[in-house]
Amino acid sequence: MNDPRISAIICAAVAAWLGYTIFFSAEAPSTFLAVLQWTFFVVALAGLGVALARLVKGR
């Protein structure tokens, strides 16, 4: 994606959804699913950080 605004919106939405499922789930997921969720959560936060850095740098 070339537009950092779109990337930031998508990464923020994914991070919010994953954060909600990780921190507010009613039951504990399997170990594999927990590792997968945390991995995607960290990647979404990293993508959000990079998109925000591109926005700041572009101005």
N, C-alpha and C. Protein backbone atom coordinates (compact mmCIF):
# COMPACT_ATOMS: atom_id res chain seq x y z
N MET A 1 0.84 -1.18 0.00
CA MET A 1 0.00 0.00 0.00
C MET A 1 0.88 1.24 0.00
N ASN A 2 0.56 2.14 -0.86
CA ASN A 2 1.37 3.34 -0.96
C ASN A 2 0.87 4.46 -0.06
N ASP A 3 -0.39 4.43 0.31
CA ASP A 3 -0.95 5.50 1.13
C ASP A 3 -0.81 5.14 2.61
N PRO A 4 0.03 5.87 3.35
CA PRO A 4 0.23 5.52 4.76
C PRO A 4 -1.02 5.75 5.61
N ARG A 5 -1.92 6.61 5.17
CA ARG A 5 -3.16 6.81 5.93
C ARG A 5 -4.02 5.56 5.93
N ILE A 6 -4.12 4.92 4.76
CA ILE A 6 -4.89 3.68 4.66
C ILE A 6 -4.22 2.58 5.47
N SER A 7 -2.90 2.49 5.36
CA SER A 7 -2.16 1.48 6.13
C SER A 7 -2.35 1.69 7.63
N ALA A 8 -2.32 2.94 8.07
CA ALA A 8 -2.49 3.23 9.49
C ALA A 8 -3.89 2.85 9.95
N ILE A 9 -4.89 3.13 9.15
CA ILE A 9 -6.27 2.79 9.52
C ILE A 9 -6.44 1.28 9.62
N ILE A 10 -5.92 0.56 8.64
CA ILE A 10 -6.07 -0.90 8.64
C ILE A 10 -5.30 -1.51 9.80
N CYS A 11 -4.07 -1.07 10.02
CA CYS A 11 -3.27 -1.61 11.12
C CYS A 11 -3.89 -1.29 12.47
N ALA A 12 -4.43 -0.10 12.62
CA ALA A 12 -5.07 0.27 13.88
C ALA A 12 -6.32 -0.58 14.12
N ALA A 13 -7.09 -0.81 13.07
CA ALA A 13 -8.30 -1.63 13.22
C ALA A 13 -7.94 -3.07 13.58
N VAL A 14 -6.93 -3.61 12.92
CA VAL A 14 -6.52 -4.99 13.21
C VAL A 14 -5.94 -5.09 14.62
N ALA A 15 -5.12 -4.12 15.01
CA ALA A 15 -4.54 -4.13 16.35
C ALA A 15 -5.63 -3.99 17.42
N ALA A 16 -6.62 -3.15 17.16
CA ALA A 16 -7.71 -2.99 18.13
C ALA A 16 -8.52 -4.28 18.26
N TRP A 17 -8.81 -4.90 17.13
CA TRP A 17 -9.59 -6.14 17.17
C TRP A 17 -8.80 -7.26 17.86
N LEU A 18 -7.53 -7.40 17.50
CA LEU A 18 -6.72 -8.44 18.14
C LEU A 18 -6.51 -8.15 19.62
N GLY A 19 -6.30 -6.89 19.96
CA GLY A 19 -6.15 -6.53 21.37
C GLY A 19 -7.40 -6.87 22.16
N TYR A 20 -8.55 -6.61 21.57
CA TYR A 20 -9.80 -6.96 22.23
C TYR A 20 -9.92 -8.47 22.42
N THR A 21 -9.60 -9.23 21.39
CA THR A 21 -9.72 -10.69 21.51
C THR A 21 -8.69 -11.28 22.46
N ILE A 22 -7.52 -10.64 22.56
CA ILE A 22 -6.49 -11.15 23.47
C ILE A 22 -6.83 -10.81 24.92
N PHE A 23 -7.17 -9.56 25.18
CA PHE A 23 -7.30 -9.10 26.56
C PHE A 23 -8.69 -9.30 27.15
N PHE A 24 -9.72 -9.45 26.33
CA PHE A 24 -11.07 -9.55 26.86
C PHE A 24 -11.78 -10.84 26.47
N SER A 25 -11.04 -11.88 26.16
CA SER A 25 -11.68 -13.14 25.79
C SER A 25 -12.19 -13.85 27.04
N ALA A 26 -13.28 -14.56 26.88
CA ALA A 26 -13.91 -15.24 28.01
C ALA A 26 -13.18 -16.52 28.39
N GLU A 27 -12.55 -17.15 27.42
CA GLU A 27 -11.84 -18.39 27.71
C GLU A 27 -10.44 -18.33 27.12
N ALA A 28 -9.55 -19.09 27.68
CA ALA A 28 -8.16 -19.09 27.22
C ALA A 28 -8.03 -19.87 25.91
N PRO A 29 -7.34 -19.29 24.93
CA PRO A 29 -7.14 -20.01 23.67
C PRO A 29 -6.04 -21.06 23.82
N SER A 30 -5.90 -21.88 22.81
CA SER A 30 -4.81 -22.85 22.82
C SER A 30 -3.48 -22.11 22.72
N THR A 31 -2.42 -22.79 23.03
CA THR A 31 -1.10 -22.17 23.01
C THR A 31 -0.75 -21.67 21.61
N PHE A 32 -1.05 -22.49 20.61
CA PHE A 32 -0.75 -22.09 19.23
C PHE A 32 -1.52 -20.84 18.85
N LEU A 33 -2.80 -20.79 19.18
CA LEU A 33 -3.61 -19.62 18.84
C LEU A 33 -3.15 -18.38 19.60
N ALA A 34 -2.75 -18.55 20.84
CA ALA A 34 -2.26 -17.40 21.62
C ALA A 34 -0.98 -16.84 21.00
N VAL A 35 -0.07 -17.71 20.60
CA VAL A 35 1.17 -17.26 19.96
C VAL A 35 0.86 -16.57 18.64
N LEU A 36 -0.06 -17.13 17.88
CA LEU A 36 -0.45 -16.54 16.60
C LEU A 36 -1.09 -15.16 16.80
N GLN A 37 -1.98 -15.05 17.78
CA GLN A 37 -2.62 -13.77 18.05
C GLN A 37 -1.60 -12.72 18.47
N TRP A 38 -0.70 -13.09 19.36
CA TRP A 38 0.30 -12.13 19.82
C TRP A 38 1.24 -11.72 18.69
N THR A 39 1.59 -12.67 17.83
CA THR A 39 2.46 -12.35 16.69
C THR A 39 1.79 -11.35 15.77
N PHE A 40 0.54 -11.61 15.41
CA PHE A 40 -0.18 -10.68 14.54
C PHE A 40 -0.42 -9.34 15.22
N PHE A 41 -0.64 -9.35 16.53
CA PHE A 41 -0.84 -8.10 17.27
C PHE A 41 0.43 -7.24 17.22
N VAL A 42 1.58 -7.85 17.44
CA VAL A 42 2.84 -7.12 17.40
C VAL A 42 3.13 -6.61 15.99
N VAL A 43 2.85 -7.43 14.99
CA VAL A 43 3.07 -7.01 13.60
C VAL A 43 2.13 -5.85 13.23
N ALA A 44 0.89 -5.90 13.69
CA ALA A 44 -0.05 -4.81 13.42
C ALA A 44 0.41 -3.52 14.09
N LEU A 45 0.91 -3.62 15.32
CA LEU A 45 1.43 -2.43 15.99
C LEU A 45 2.67 -1.89 15.29
N ALA A 46 3.53 -2.78 14.82
CA ALA A 46 4.71 -2.34 14.07
C ALA A 46 4.30 -1.66 12.77
N GLY A 47 3.33 -2.23 12.09
CA GLY A 47 2.84 -1.61 10.85
C GLY A 47 2.22 -0.25 11.11
N LEU A 48 1.51 -0.13 12.22
CA LEU A 48 0.93 1.17 12.58
C LEU A 48 2.04 2.18 12.86
N GLY A 49 3.06 1.75 13.56
CA GLY A 49 4.18 2.65 13.85
C GLY A 49 4.89 3.12 12.58
N VAL A 50 5.10 2.21 11.66
CA VAL A 50 5.76 2.57 10.40
C VAL A 50 4.88 3.50 9.58
N ALA A 51 3.58 3.22 9.54
CA ALA A 51 2.67 4.08 8.78
C ALA A 51 2.63 5.49 9.38
N LEU A 52 2.60 5.57 10.70
CA LEU A 52 2.61 6.89 11.34
C LEU A 52 3.93 7.61 11.10
N ALA A 53 5.03 6.87 11.11
CA ALA A 53 6.33 7.49 10.82
C ALA A 53 6.37 8.02 9.40
N ARG A 54 5.79 7.26 8.46
CA ARG A 54 5.74 7.73 7.07
C ARG A 54 4.86 8.98 6.95
N LEU A 55 3.79 9.03 7.73
CA LEU A 55 2.93 10.22 7.70
C LEU A 55 3.68 11.44 8.23
N VAL A 56 4.40 11.28 9.32
CA VAL A 56 5.13 12.40 9.91
C VAL A 56 6.27 12.83 8.99
N LYS A 57 6.95 11.87 8.40
CA LYS A 57 8.07 12.19 7.51
C LYS A 57 7.59 12.87 6.23
N GLY A 58 6.42 12.51 5.77
CA GLY A 58 5.91 13.07 4.53
C GLY A 58 5.44 14.51 4.64
N ARG A 59 5.25 14.99 5.84
CA ARG A 59 4.76 16.37 6.01
C ARG A 59 5.85 17.38 6.03
